[in-house]
């Protein structure tokens, strides 16, 4: 009964749809955070192998990769949820919100790939294989991740439209 009454209210349907998209935005980003956290845990475990082997150069490289991953966990946790930053909170237009969700989905795919890749590195490190090149690839993958995350920031801030027009 209440649902029927709410549907009769002007603007309620659009408001509800936007709120559902914002909730989807939140859920998608929580998944990305979870996957990145698993990647970070894999790098910590790989670091233990490097410490046991006494490989200081590899330890530094692993710590850089782990730090990059951690940095983006924090950035995603504190990212705006369907609102643009500014002097006042302005609702993102639906089109931009959809683009944000699509970008977040790509971020999840990248995070899933990173999780699998770091898990493989961890297994190789425990088998005493040299994983230096693979860890360098993690740093590169985090560069790609940084670019995708910047795209998300550009979408949310509205600057992506300006960039695309140039």
C-alpha atoms as a PDB file:
ATOM      1  CA  UNK A   1       0.000   0.000   0.000  1.00  0.00           C
ATOM      2  CA  UNK A   2       2.721   2.471   0.984  1.00  0.00           C
ATOM      3  CA  UNK A   3       4.651   1.577  -2.186  1.00  0.00           C
ATOM      4  CA  UNK A   4       1.621   2.457  -4.326  1.00  0.00           C
ATOM      5  CA  UNK A   5       1.215   5.778  -2.527  1.00  0.00           C
ATOM      6  CA  UNK A   6       4.884   6.616  -2.959  1.00  0.00           C
ATOM      7  CA  UNK A   7       4.648   5.936  -6.707  1.00  0.00           C
ATOM      8  CA  UNK A   8       1.904   8.559  -6.922  1.00  0.00           C
ATOM      9  CA  UNK A   9       4.177  11.222  -5.428  1.00  0.00           C
ATOM     10  CA  UNK A  10       5.702  13.503  -8.067  1.00  0.00           C
ATOM     11  CA  UNK A  11       9.388  12.791  -8.594  1.00  0.00           C
ATOM     12  CA  UNK A  12       9.472   9.734  -6.335  1.00  0.00           C
ATOM     13  CA  UNK A  13      10.096   7.228  -9.137  1.00  0.00           C
ATOM     14  CA  UNK A  14      13.106   9.190 -10.454  1.00  0.00           C
ATOM     15  CA  UNK A  15      14.438   9.702  -6.936  1.00  0.00           C
ATOM     16  CA  UNK A  16      14.147   5.992  -6.150  1.00  0.00           C
ATOM     17  CA  UNK A  17      15.917   5.060  -9.401  1.00  0.00           C
ATOM     18  CA  UNK A  18      18.795   7.436  -8.612  1.00  0.00           C
ATOM     19  CA  UNK A  19      19.084   6.078  -5.083  1.00  0.00           C
ATOM     20  CA  UNK A  20      19.196   2.526  -6.446  1.00  0.00           C
ATOM     21  CA  UNK A  21      22.027   3.555  -8.769  1.00  0.00           C
ATOM     22  CA  UNK A  22      23.901   5.143  -5.890  1.00  0.00           C
ATOM     23  CA  UNK A  23      23.489   1.925  -3.909  1.00  0.00           C
ATOM     24  CA  UNK A  24      24.808  -0.037  -6.899  1.00  0.00           C
ATOM     25  CA  UNK A  25      27.746   2.380  -7.048  1.00  0.00           C
ATOM     26  CA  UNK A  26      28.499   1.658  -3.379  1.00  0.00           C
ATOM     27  CA  UNK A  27      28.238  -2.131  -3.787  1.00  0.00           C
ATOM     28  CA  UNK A  28      30.441  -2.165  -6.888  1.00  0.00           C
ATOM     29  CA  UNK A  29      33.152  -0.162  -5.157  1.00  0.00           C
ATOM     30  CA  UNK A  30      33.013  -2.332  -2.031  1.00  0.00           C
ATOM     31  CA  UNK A  31      33.736  -5.341  -4.238  1.00  0.00           C
ATOM     32  CA  UNK A  32      36.714  -3.542  -5.808  1.00  0.00           C
ATOM     33  CA  UNK A  33      38.024  -2.749  -2.323  1.00  0.00           C
ATOM     34  CA  UNK A  34      37.665  -6.388  -1.261  1.00  0.00           C
ATOM     35  CA  UNK A  35      39.581  -7.606  -4.327  1.00  0.00           C
ATOM     36  CA  UNK A  36      42.335  -5.027  -3.870  1.00  0.00           C
ATOM     37  CA  UNK A  37      42.631  -5.968  -0.189  1.00  0.00           C
ATOM     38  CA  UNK A  38      43.192  -9.595  -1.231  1.00  0.00           C
ATOM     39  CA  UNK A  39      45.896  -8.404  -3.646  1.00  0.00           C
ATOM     40  CA  UNK A  40      47.507  -6.395  -0.869  1.00  0.00           C
ATOM     41  CA  UNK A  41      47.423  -9.462   1.405  1.00  0.00           C
ATOM     42  CA  UNK A  42      49.068 -11.508  -1.362  1.00  0.00           C
ATOM     43  CA  UNK A  43      51.851  -8.929  -1.638  1.00  0.00           C
ATOM     44  CA  UNK A  44      52.385  -8.974   2.143  1.00  0.00           C
ATOM     45  CA  UNK A  45      52.687 -12.749   2.011  1.00  0.00           C
ATOM     46  CA  UNK A  46      55.092 -12.491  -0.934  1.00  0.00           C
ATOM     47  CA  UNK A  47      57.099  -9.959   1.068  1.00  0.00           C
ATOM     48  CA  UNK A  48      57.581 -12.581   3.778  1.00  0.00           C
ATOM     49  CA  UNK A  49      59.192 -14.882   1.208  1.00  0.00           C
ATOM     50  CA  UNK A  50      61.496 -12.082   0.059  1.00  0.00           C
ATOM     51  CA  UNK A  51      62.459 -11.349   3.677  1.00  0.00           C
ATOM     52  CA  UNK A  52      63.227 -15.028   4.295  1.00  0.00           C
ATOM     53  CA  UNK A  53      65.385 -15.071   1.151  1.00  0.00           C
ATOM     54  CA  UNK A  54      67.126 -11.857   2.219  1.00  0.00           C
ATOM     55  CA  UNK A  55      66.385 -10.201  -1.136  1.00  0.00           C
ATOM     56  CA  UNK A  56      66.367  -6.494  -0.212  1.00  0.00           C
ATOM     57  CA  UNK A  57      65.791  -5.234  -3.768  1.00  0.00           C
ATOM     58  CA  UNK A  58      62.741  -7.448  -4.149  1.00  0.00           C
ATOM     59  CA  UNK A  59      61.504  -6.389  -0.692  1.00  0.00           C
ATOM     60  CA  UNK A  60      61.590  -2.713  -1.773  1.00  0.00           C
ATOM     61  CA  UNK A  61      59.785  -3.485  -5.019  1.00  0.00           C
ATOM     62  CA  UNK A  62      57.119  -5.551  -3.261  1.00  0.00           C
ATOM     63  CA  UNK A  63      56.604  -2.804  -0.693  1.00  0.00           C
ATOM     64  CA  UNK A  64      56.148  -0.243  -3.492  1.00  0.00           C
ATOM     65  CA  UNK A  65      53.552  -2.474  -5.171  1.00  0.00           C
ATOM     66  CA  UNK A  66      51.793  -3.106  -1.848  1.00  0.00           C
ATOM     67  CA  UNK A  67      51.810   0.618  -1.077  1.00  0.00           C
ATOM     68  CA  UNK A  68      50.299   1.427  -4.478  1.00  0.00           C
ATOM     69  CA  UNK A  69      47.533  -1.096  -3.894  1.00  0.00           C
ATOM     70  CA  UNK A  70      46.870   0.231  -0.379  1.00  0.00           C
ATOM     71  CA  UNK A  71      46.742   3.800  -1.699  1.00  0.00           C
ATOM     72  CA  UNK A  72      43.899   2.900  -4.055  1.00  0.00           C
ATOM     73  CA  UNK A  73      42.031   0.948  -1.402  1.00  0.00           C
ATOM     74  CA  UNK A  74      41.980   4.172   0.615  1.00  0.00           C
ATOM     75  CA  UNK A  75      41.032   6.324  -2.377  1.00  0.00           C
ATOM     76  CA  UNK A  76      38.127   4.080  -3.329  1.00  0.00           C
ATOM     77  CA  UNK A  77      36.916   3.932   0.293  1.00  0.00           C
ATOM     78  CA  UNK A  78      36.792   7.727   0.489  1.00  0.00           C
ATOM     79  CA  UNK A  79      35.491   8.395  -3.044  1.00  0.00           C
ATOM     80  CA  UNK A  80      32.261  10.285  -3.518  1.00  0.00           C
ATOM     81  CA  UNK A  81      29.072   8.198  -3.630  1.00  0.00           C
ATOM     82  CA  UNK A  82      27.066   9.611  -6.494  1.00  0.00           C
ATOM     83  CA  UNK A  83      27.710  13.251  -5.660  1.00  0.00           C
ATOM     84  CA  UNK A  84      30.172  15.736  -7.067  1.00  0.00           C
ATOM     85  CA  UNK A  85      32.516  17.582  -4.724  1.00  0.00           C
ATOM     86  CA  UNK A  86      32.128  21.327  -4.457  1.00  0.00           C
ATOM     87  CA  UNK A  87      30.878  24.090  -2.230  1.00  0.00           C
ATOM     88  CA  UNK A  88      27.587  22.299  -1.910  1.00  0.00           C
ATOM     89  CA  UNK A  89      26.581  18.715  -2.596  1.00  0.00           C
ATOM     90  CA  UNK A  90      25.155  18.480  -6.127  1.00  0.00           C
ATOM     91  CA  UNK A  91      23.525  15.287  -7.355  1.00  0.00           C
ATOM     92  CA  UNK A  92      25.284  13.713 -10.313  1.00  0.00           C
ATOM     93  CA  UNK A  93      23.137  13.528 -13.403  1.00  0.00           C
ATOM     94  CA  UNK A  94      21.898  10.041 -14.213  1.00  0.00           C
ATOM     95  CA  UNK A  95      24.092   9.765 -17.308  1.00  0.00           C
ATOM     96  CA  UNK A  96      27.199  10.571 -15.287  1.00  0.00           C
ATOM     97  CA  UNK A  97      26.152   8.158 -12.551  1.00  0.00           C
ATOM     98  CA  UNK A  98      25.774   5.390 -15.144  1.00  0.00           C
ATOM     99  CA  UNK A  99      29.230   6.225 -16.536  1.00  0.00           C
ATOM    100  CA  UNK A 100      30.631   6.107 -12.998  1.00  0.00           C
ATOM    101  CA  UNK A 101      29.133   2.665 -12.415  1.00  0.00           C
ATOM    102  CA  UNK A 102      30.520   1.442 -15.763  1.00  0.00           C
ATOM    103  CA  UNK A 103      33.967   2.755 -14.828  1.00  0.00           C
ATOM    104  CA  UNK A 104      33.704   1.116 -11.410  1.00  0.00           C
ATOM    105  CA  UNK A 105      32.854  -2.160 -13.139  1.00  0.00           C
ATOM    106  CA  UNK A 106      36.060  -1.885 -15.165  1.00  0.00           C
ATOM    107  CA  UNK A 107      37.917  -1.175 -11.931  1.00  0.00           C
ATOM    108  CA  UNK A 108      36.477  -4.407 -10.488  1.00  0.00           C
ATOM    109  CA  UNK A 109      37.689  -6.387 -13.498  1.00  0.00           C
ATOM    110  CA  UNK A 110      41.149  -4.864 -13.106  1.00  0.00           C
ATOM    111  CA  UNK A 111      41.105  -5.610  -9.367  1.00  0.00           C
ATOM    112  CA  UNK A 112      40.036  -9.222 -10.041  1.00  0.00           C
ATOM    113  CA  UNK A 113      42.899  -9.625 -12.519  1.00  0.00           C
ATOM    114  CA  UNK A 114      45.331  -8.112 -10.007  1.00  0.00           C
ATOM    115  CA  UNK A 115      44.125 -10.436  -7.251  1.00  0.00           C
ATOM    116  CA  UNK A 116      44.680 -13.497  -9.441  1.00  0.00           C
ATOM    117  CA  UNK A 117      48.060 -12.187 -10.602  1.00  0.00           C
ATOM    118  CA  UNK A 118      49.291 -11.453  -7.063  1.00  0.00           C
ATOM    119  CA  UNK A 119      48.046 -14.838  -5.885  1.00  0.00           C
ATOM    120  CA  UNK A 120      50.163 -16.469  -8.595  1.00  0.00           C
ATOM    121  CA  UNK A 121      53.169 -14.363  -7.566  1.00  0.00           C
ATOM    122  CA  UNK A 122      52.667 -15.432  -3.972  1.00  0.00           C
ATOM    123  CA  UNK A 123      52.609 -19.124  -4.973  1.00  0.00           C
ATOM    124  CA  UNK A 124      55.755 -18.708  -7.059  1.00  0.00           C
ATOM    125  CA  UNK A 125      57.534 -16.880  -4.252  1.00  0.00           C
ATOM    126  CA  UNK A 126      56.759 -19.694  -1.821  1.00  0.00           C
ATOM    127  CA  UNK A 127      58.248 -22.093  -4.386  1.00  0.00           C
ATOM    128  CA  UNK A 128      61.428 -19.977  -4.215  1.00  0.00           C
ATOM    129  CA  UNK A 129      61.031 -18.695  -7.790  1.00  0.00           C
ATOM    130  CA  UNK A 130      62.364 -15.248  -8.681  1.00  0.00           C
ATOM    131  CA  UNK A 131      59.270 -13.042  -8.930  1.00  0.00           C
ATOM    132  CA  UNK A 132      61.003  -9.704  -9.507  1.00  0.00           C
ATOM    133  CA  UNK A 133      59.606  -9.236 -13.031  1.00  0.00           C
ATOM    134  CA  UNK A 134      56.118 -10.235 -11.936  1.00  0.00           C
ATOM    135  CA  UNK A 135      56.213  -7.700  -9.092  1.00  0.00           C
ATOM    136  CA  UNK A 136      57.318  -5.040 -11.593  1.00  0.00           C
ATOM    137  CA  UNK A 137      54.208  -5.946 -13.584  1.00  0.00           C
ATOM    138  CA  UNK A 138      52.110  -5.316 -10.462  1.00  0.00           C
ATOM    139  CA  UNK A 139      53.564  -1.801 -10.316  1.00  0.00           C
ATOM    140  CA  UNK A 140      52.681  -1.370 -14.023  1.00  0.00           C
ATOM    141  CA  UNK A 141      49.173  -2.734 -13.467  1.00  0.00           C
ATOM    142  CA  UNK A 142      48.739  -0.236 -10.640  1.00  0.00           C
ATOM    143  CA  UNK A 143      49.709   2.520 -13.104  1.00  0.00           C
ATOM    144  CA  UNK A 144      46.894   1.322 -15.372  1.00  0.00           C
ATOM    145  CA  UNK A 145      44.629   1.202 -12.322  1.00  0.00           C
ATOM    146  CA  UNK A 146      45.619   4.787 -11.451  1.00  0.00           C
ATOM    147  CA  UNK A 147      44.631   5.892 -14.974  1.00  0.00           C
ATOM    148  CA  UNK A 148      41.242   4.168 -14.727  1.00  0.00           C
ATOM    149  CA  UNK A 149      40.651   5.645 -11.274  1.00  0.00           C
ATOM    150  CA  UNK A 150      41.528   9.112 -12.610  1.00  0.00           C
ATOM    151  CA  UNK A 151      38.937   8.549 -15.333  1.00  0.00           C
ATOM    152  CA  UNK A 152      36.401   7.884 -12.566  1.00  0.00           C
ATOM    153  CA  UNK A 153      37.371  11.103 -10.810  1.00  0.00           C
ATOM    154  CA  UNK A 154      36.988  12.974 -14.102  1.00  0.00           C
ATOM    155  CA  UNK A 155      33.514  11.494 -14.604  1.00  0.00           C
ATOM    156  CA  UNK A 156      32.354  12.367 -11.086  1.00  0.00           C
ATOM    157  CA  UNK A 157      33.809  15.886 -11.197  1.00  0.00           C
ATOM    158  CA  UNK A 158      32.357  16.531 -14.650  1.00  0.00           C
ATOM    159  CA  UNK A 159      35.753  17.235 -16.246  1.00  0.00           C
ATOM    160  CA  UNK A 160      35.526  14.139 -18.431  1.00  0.00           C
ATOM    161  CA  UNK A 161      32.945  15.917 -20.564  1.00  0.00           C
ATOM    162  CA  UNK A 162      35.302  18.870 -21.003  1.00  0.00           C
ATOM    163  CA  UNK A 163      38.209  16.583 -21.872  1.00  0.00           C
ATOM    164  CA  UNK A 164      36.134  14.675 -24.443  1.00  0.00           C
ATOM    165  CA  UNK A 165      35.077  17.921 -26.153  1.00  0.00           C
ATOM    166  CA  UNK A 166      38.669  19.038 -26.770  1.00  0.00           C
END
